């Protein structure tokens, strides 16, 4: 049986340095500050954030809280951050890339979303909602960092 999958991709320019944007995004514990659906995130692996770092997170979706584990599968500061996120509803594997531009930092995202169980039937909808949701999340990050709310 073919596994349903959808690709979610996009880009945004943030008026901050690539190092600042990368470091803020790479600390998954910051995500509840710019993702309204993220209830909490905590680092569950030891040591500094790098390839192999794992986070436990909870996302509020469809009226319930969904636990997930995020693992960094690539960490090339400040250019690329790859991860896999696993939950009971789906697995998401992808990467963020960061490059300096005149306006600050261009961040691009691309991920493959593989719905699980009954969610597989909704793969086309998952793609539409995923693309809109990612754009919304990263626009919130842009506003937070450009307002100085991300710290220095």
Protein backbone atom coordinates (compact mmCIF):
# COMPACT_ATOMS: atom_id res chain seq x y z
CA UNK A 1 0.00 0.00 0.00
CA UNK A 2 1.26 3.46 -0.94
CA UNK A 3 1.78 5.78 2.02
CA UNK A 4 -0.09 9.09 1.60
CA UNK A 5 2.28 12.03 1.74
CA UNK A 6 2.07 15.72 1.08
CA UNK A 7 4.79 18.35 0.69
CA UNK A 8 4.62 21.67 2.53
CA UNK A 9 7.06 24.38 1.49
CA UNK A 10 7.51 28.12 1.53
CA UNK A 11 9.78 30.99 2.49
CA UNK A 12 9.81 34.21 4.46
CA UNK A 13 12.27 37.05 5.01
CA UNK A 14 12.83 38.17 8.60
CA UNK A 15 14.53 41.45 9.48
CA UNK A 16 17.12 39.86 11.79
CA UNK A 17 20.48 38.15 11.29
CA UNK A 18 20.54 34.52 10.14
CA UNK A 19 22.32 33.56 13.36
CA UNK A 20 19.60 35.11 15.51
CA UNK A 21 16.77 33.51 13.52
CA UNK A 22 18.49 30.12 13.40
CA UNK A 23 19.28 30.06 17.13
CA UNK A 24 15.76 31.10 18.11
CA UNK A 25 14.10 28.51 15.87
CA UNK A 26 16.58 25.76 16.80
CA UNK A 27 15.50 26.03 20.44
CA UNK A 28 12.16 24.26 20.09
CA UNK A 29 11.22 25.52 23.57
CA UNK A 30 10.62 28.92 21.91
CA UNK A 31 7.93 27.62 19.57
CA UNK A 32 4.97 28.23 21.92
CA UNK A 33 5.89 31.93 21.69
CA UNK A 34 5.11 32.09 17.96
CA UNK A 35 2.91 29.04 17.29
CA UNK A 36 -0.53 29.55 18.85
CA UNK A 37 -1.27 25.80 18.65
CA UNK A 38 1.89 24.71 20.52
CA UNK A 39 0.96 24.21 24.17
CA UNK A 40 4.45 23.36 25.43
CA UNK A 41 7.87 22.11 24.39
CA UNK A 42 10.71 20.76 26.49
CA UNK A 43 14.14 19.39 25.67
CA UNK A 44 14.34 15.70 26.63
CA UNK A 45 17.90 14.94 25.50
CA UNK A 46 21.03 15.98 27.36
CA UNK A 47 23.55 18.59 26.29
CA UNK A 48 23.54 21.61 24.01
CA UNK A 49 21.19 21.78 21.05
CA UNK A 50 22.71 19.99 18.04
CA UNK A 51 22.05 17.09 15.68
CA UNK A 52 20.28 14.37 17.68
CA UNK A 53 18.65 16.78 20.16
CA UNK A 54 15.12 15.68 21.02
CA UNK A 55 12.14 17.66 22.30
CA UNK A 56 8.76 16.56 23.64
CA UNK A 57 6.01 18.92 22.54
CA UNK A 58 2.24 19.19 22.77
CA UNK A 59 0.09 20.67 20.04
CA UNK A 60 -3.56 21.64 20.44
CA UNK A 61 -5.43 20.45 17.37
CA UNK A 62 -9.00 19.48 16.59
CA UNK A 63 -10.06 20.15 20.17
CA UNK A 64 -7.48 17.91 21.81
CA UNK A 65 -3.83 17.93 22.82
CA UNK A 66 -1.52 15.89 20.64
CA UNK A 67 1.85 14.80 22.10
CA UNK A 68 4.80 14.60 19.70
CA UNK A 69 8.54 14.13 19.66
CA UNK A 70 10.80 16.35 17.55
CA UNK A 71 14.32 15.14 16.75
CA UNK A 72 16.95 17.18 14.93
CA UNK A 73 18.43 15.06 12.14
CA UNK A 74 20.64 17.83 10.78
CA UNK A 75 22.16 20.87 12.47
CA UNK A 76 24.42 23.15 10.41
CA UNK A 77 24.44 26.50 12.20
CA UNK A 78 23.35 28.95 10.85
CA UNK A 79 22.40 27.52 7.46
CA UNK A 80 20.25 24.39 7.88
CA UNK A 81 18.11 22.68 10.50
CA UNK A 82 16.53 19.30 9.65
CA UNK A 83 14.11 17.36 11.80
CA UNK A 84 11.62 14.55 12.05
CA UNK A 85 8.46 14.98 14.14
CA UNK A 86 6.43 11.94 15.17
CA UNK A 87 2.94 11.80 16.65
CA UNK A 88 0.08 9.33 16.60
CA UNK A 89 -1.55 11.28 13.73
CA UNK A 90 1.41 11.89 11.44
CA UNK A 91 5.12 11.95 10.79
CA UNK A 92 6.75 15.06 9.38
CA UNK A 93 10.28 15.10 7.99
CA UNK A 94 11.91 18.19 6.57
CA UNK A 95 14.33 21.06 6.86
CA UNK A 96 14.61 24.78 7.33
CA UNK A 97 17.33 26.67 5.49
CA UNK A 98 18.59 30.14 6.36
CA UNK A 99 20.52 32.57 4.19
CA UNK A 100 21.57 36.16 4.67
CA UNK A 101 19.86 38.69 2.43
CA UNK A 102 19.91 42.48 2.39
CA UNK A 103 16.69 42.63 4.47
CA UNK A 104 17.97 40.16 7.11
CA UNK A 105 17.46 36.41 6.86
CA UNK A 106 15.58 34.40 4.28
CA UNK A 107 14.17 31.26 5.84
CA UNK A 108 12.82 28.48 3.63
CA UNK A 109 10.90 25.44 4.82
CA UNK A 110 10.17 22.17 3.08
CA UNK A 111 8.73 19.07 4.71
CA UNK A 112 6.98 15.86 3.83
CA UNK A 113 3.92 15.10 5.94
CA UNK A 114 2.80 11.48 6.20
CA UNK A 115 -0.59 11.18 7.89
CA UNK A 116 -1.18 8.00 9.91
CA UNK A 117 -4.30 5.93 10.48
CA UNK A 118 -7.59 7.57 9.55
CA UNK A 119 -5.71 10.81 8.82
CA UNK A 120 -4.34 9.18 5.63
CA UNK A 121 -7.75 9.64 4.04
CA UNK A 122 -7.40 13.37 4.63
CA UNK A 123 -3.94 13.74 3.03
CA UNK A 124 -5.05 16.40 0.46
CA UNK A 125 -6.69 18.46 3.22
CA UNK A 126 -3.62 18.02 5.43
CA UNK A 127 -1.55 19.58 2.63
CA UNK A 128 -3.80 22.62 2.24
CA UNK A 129 -4.08 23.20 5.99
CA UNK A 130 -0.38 22.48 6.49
CA UNK A 131 0.72 25.06 3.93
CA UNK A 132 -1.56 27.72 5.43
CA UNK A 133 -0.58 26.79 8.99
CA UNK A 134 3.16 26.91 8.31
CA UNK A 135 2.84 30.32 6.66
CA UNK A 136 0.91 31.58 9.71
CA UNK A 137 3.45 30.18 12.18
CA UNK A 138 6.43 31.74 10.40
CA UNK A 139 4.63 35.09 10.02
CA UNK A 140 4.14 35.08 13.80
CA UNK A 141 7.86 34.33 14.23
CA UNK A 142 8.71 37.24 11.92
CA UNK A 143 6.55 39.64 13.94
CA UNK A 144 7.99 38.40 17.24
CA UNK A 145 11.64 38.67 16.19
CA UNK A 146 11.27 41.97 14.34
CA UNK A 147 9.53 43.52 17.36
CA UNK A 148 12.46 42.52 19.57
CA UNK A 149 10.33 39.99 21.46
CA UNK A 150 12.74 37.14 20.76
CA UNK A 151 15.44 38.54 23.03
CA UNK A 152 18.88 39.54 21.88
